[in-house]
């Protein structure tokens, strides 16, 4: 019984680490995309006529 609990704790720890790494990677990628799009908007700002 204790061995099953030990394995379950190990698996849940690994899954938590994987989700944490994925969250960091997705967050960084999203931030980079937002910075690039913001820079494009600032550059093209002078082309807008009102």
N, C-alpha and C. Protein backbone atom coordinates (compact mmCIF):
# COMPACT_ATOMS: atom_id res chain seq x y z
N UNK A 1 0.82 -1.19 0.00
CA UNK A 1 0.00 0.00 0.00
C UNK A 1 0.87 1.26 0.00
N UNK A 2 1.88 1.28 0.83
CA UNK A 2 2.75 2.45 0.91
C UNK A 2 3.52 2.66 -0.40
N UNK A 3 3.84 1.55 -1.06
CA UNK A 3 4.58 1.65 -2.32
C UNK A 3 3.73 2.32 -3.39
N UNK A 4 2.45 2.04 -3.42
CA UNK A 4 1.55 2.68 -4.39
C UNK A 4 1.47 4.18 -4.13
N UNK A 5 1.40 4.56 -2.89
CA UNK A 5 1.34 5.98 -2.55
C UNK A 5 2.65 6.68 -2.94
N UNK A 6 3.75 6.00 -2.72
CA UNK A 6 5.06 6.55 -3.07
C UNK A 6 5.15 6.79 -4.58
N UNK A 7 4.69 5.82 -5.37
CA UNK A 7 4.70 5.96 -6.83
C UNK A 7 3.76 7.07 -7.29
N UNK A 8 2.59 7.13 -6.67
CA UNK A 8 1.63 8.17 -7.03
C UNK A 8 2.19 9.57 -6.75
N UNK A 9 2.86 9.72 -5.63
CA UNK A 9 3.47 11.01 -5.30
C UNK A 9 4.57 11.35 -6.31
N UNK A 10 5.34 10.37 -6.72
CA UNK A 10 6.39 10.60 -7.71
C UNK A 10 5.82 11.02 -9.05
N UNK A 11 4.76 10.33 -9.48
CA UNK A 11 4.13 10.68 -10.76
C UNK A 11 3.52 12.07 -10.71
N UNK A 12 2.84 12.39 -9.63
CA UNK A 12 2.21 13.71 -9.55
C UNK A 12 3.28 14.81 -9.49
N UNK A 13 4.40 14.53 -8.89
CA UNK A 13 5.50 15.50 -8.87
C UNK A 13 6.06 15.72 -10.26
N UNK A 14 6.24 14.66 -11.03
CA UNK A 14 6.74 14.78 -12.39
C UNK A 14 5.75 15.53 -13.27
N UNK A 15 4.47 15.22 -13.13
CA UNK A 15 3.45 15.91 -13.93
C UNK A 15 3.41 17.39 -13.57
N UNK A 16 3.52 17.71 -12.31
CA UNK A 16 3.55 19.11 -11.89
C UNK A 16 4.74 19.85 -12.48
N UNK A 17 5.89 19.21 -12.51
CA UNK A 17 7.08 19.82 -13.09
C UNK A 17 6.89 20.05 -14.60
N UNK A 18 6.31 19.07 -15.28
CA UNK A 18 6.08 19.21 -16.72
C UNK A 18 5.14 20.37 -17.00
N UNK A 19 4.03 20.45 -16.26
CA UNK A 19 3.10 21.55 -16.47
C UNK A 19 3.73 22.90 -16.14
N UNK A 20 4.56 22.94 -15.13
CA UNK A 20 5.25 24.17 -14.79
C UNK A 20 6.19 24.62 -15.89
N UNK A 21 6.94 23.70 -16.44
CA UNK A 21 7.86 24.03 -17.54
C UNK A 21 7.08 24.49 -18.76
N UNK A 22 5.98 23.80 -19.07
CA UNK A 22 5.15 24.21 -20.20
C UNK A 22 4.58 25.60 -19.99
N UNK A 23 4.14 25.91 -18.79
CA UNK A 23 3.59 27.23 -18.50
C UNK A 23 4.64 28.31 -18.69
N UNK A 24 5.87 28.05 -18.26
CA UNK A 24 6.95 29.02 -18.43
C UNK A 24 7.25 29.23 -19.91
N UNK A 25 7.34 28.14 -20.67
CA UNK A 25 7.66 28.24 -22.10
C UNK A 25 6.56 28.99 -22.84
N UNK A 26 5.30 28.65 -22.56
CA UNK A 26 4.19 29.32 -23.23
C UNK A 26 4.14 30.79 -22.84
N UNK A 27 4.40 31.09 -21.59
CA UNK A 27 4.41 32.48 -21.13
C UNK A 27 5.50 33.30 -21.81
N UNK A 28 6.69 32.73 -21.92
CA UNK A 28 7.79 33.44 -22.58
C UNK A 28 7.49 33.64 -24.05
N UNK A 29 6.98 32.60 -24.71
CA UNK A 29 6.66 32.71 -26.13
C UNK A 29 5.57 33.76 -26.36
N UNK A 30 4.56 33.76 -25.52
CA UNK A 30 3.50 34.77 -25.64
C UNK A 30 4.02 36.17 -25.42
N UNK A 31 4.90 36.34 -24.47
CA UNK A 31 5.49 37.65 -24.21
C UNK A 31 6.32 38.15 -25.38
N UNK A 32 7.09 37.26 -25.98
CA UNK A 32 7.90 37.64 -27.14
C UNK A 32 7.01 38.05 -28.31
N UNK A 33 5.94 37.29 -28.53
CA UNK A 33 5.01 37.63 -29.62
C UNK A 33 4.38 38.99 -29.37
N UNK A 34 3.98 39.27 -28.15
CA UNK A 34 3.38 40.56 -27.83
C UNK A 34 4.36 41.71 -28.02
N UNK A 35 5.61 41.52 -27.64
CA UNK A 35 6.62 42.56 -27.83
C UNK A 35 6.84 42.83 -29.31
N UNK A 36 6.93 41.79 -30.10
CA UNK A 36 7.15 41.95 -31.55
C UNK A 36 5.96 42.67 -32.19
N UNK A 37 4.75 42.26 -31.85
CA UNK A 37 3.56 42.91 -32.43
C UNK A 37 3.46 44.36 -31.97
N UNK A 38 3.80 44.64 -30.74
CA UNK A 38 3.78 46.02 -30.25
C UNK A 38 4.80 46.89 -30.99
N UNK A 39 5.96 46.33 -31.25
CA UNK A 39 6.98 47.08 -31.99
C UNK A 39 6.51 47.36 -33.42
N UNK A 40 5.85 46.38 -34.04
CA UNK A 40 5.33 46.60 -35.39
C UNK A 40 4.28 47.70 -35.40
N UNK A 41 3.42 47.73 -34.38
CA UNK A 41 2.41 48.78 -34.29
C UNK A 41 3.05 50.15 -34.12
N UNK A 42 4.07 50.24 -33.30
CA UNK A 42 4.74 51.53 -33.09
C UNK A 42 5.43 52.00 -34.36
N UNK A 43 6.03 51.09 -35.11
CA UNK A 43 6.71 51.47 -36.35
C UNK A 43 5.70 51.94 -37.39
N UNK A 44 4.56 51.25 -37.49
CA UNK A 44 3.58 51.60 -38.51
C UNK A 44 2.66 52.73 -38.07
N UNK A 45 2.85 53.28 -36.90
CA UNK A 45 2.02 54.35 -36.37
C UNK A 45 2.07 55.58 -37.26
N UNK A 46 3.23 55.87 -37.83
CA UNK A 46 3.36 57.08 -38.65
C UNK A 46 2.66 56.95 -40.01
N UNK A 47 2.28 55.75 -40.41
CA UNK A 47 1.64 55.54 -41.68
C UNK A 47 0.13 55.76 -41.64
N UNK A 48 -0.42 55.94 -40.45
CA UNK A 48 -1.86 56.11 -40.29
C UNK A 48 -2.23 57.56 -40.54
N UNK A 49 -3.23 57.77 -41.39
CA UNK A 49 -3.72 59.11 -41.69
C UNK A 49 -5.11 59.27 -41.08
N UNK A 50 -5.32 60.42 -40.44
CA UNK A 50 -6.65 60.71 -39.87
C UNK A 50 -7.28 61.83 -40.62
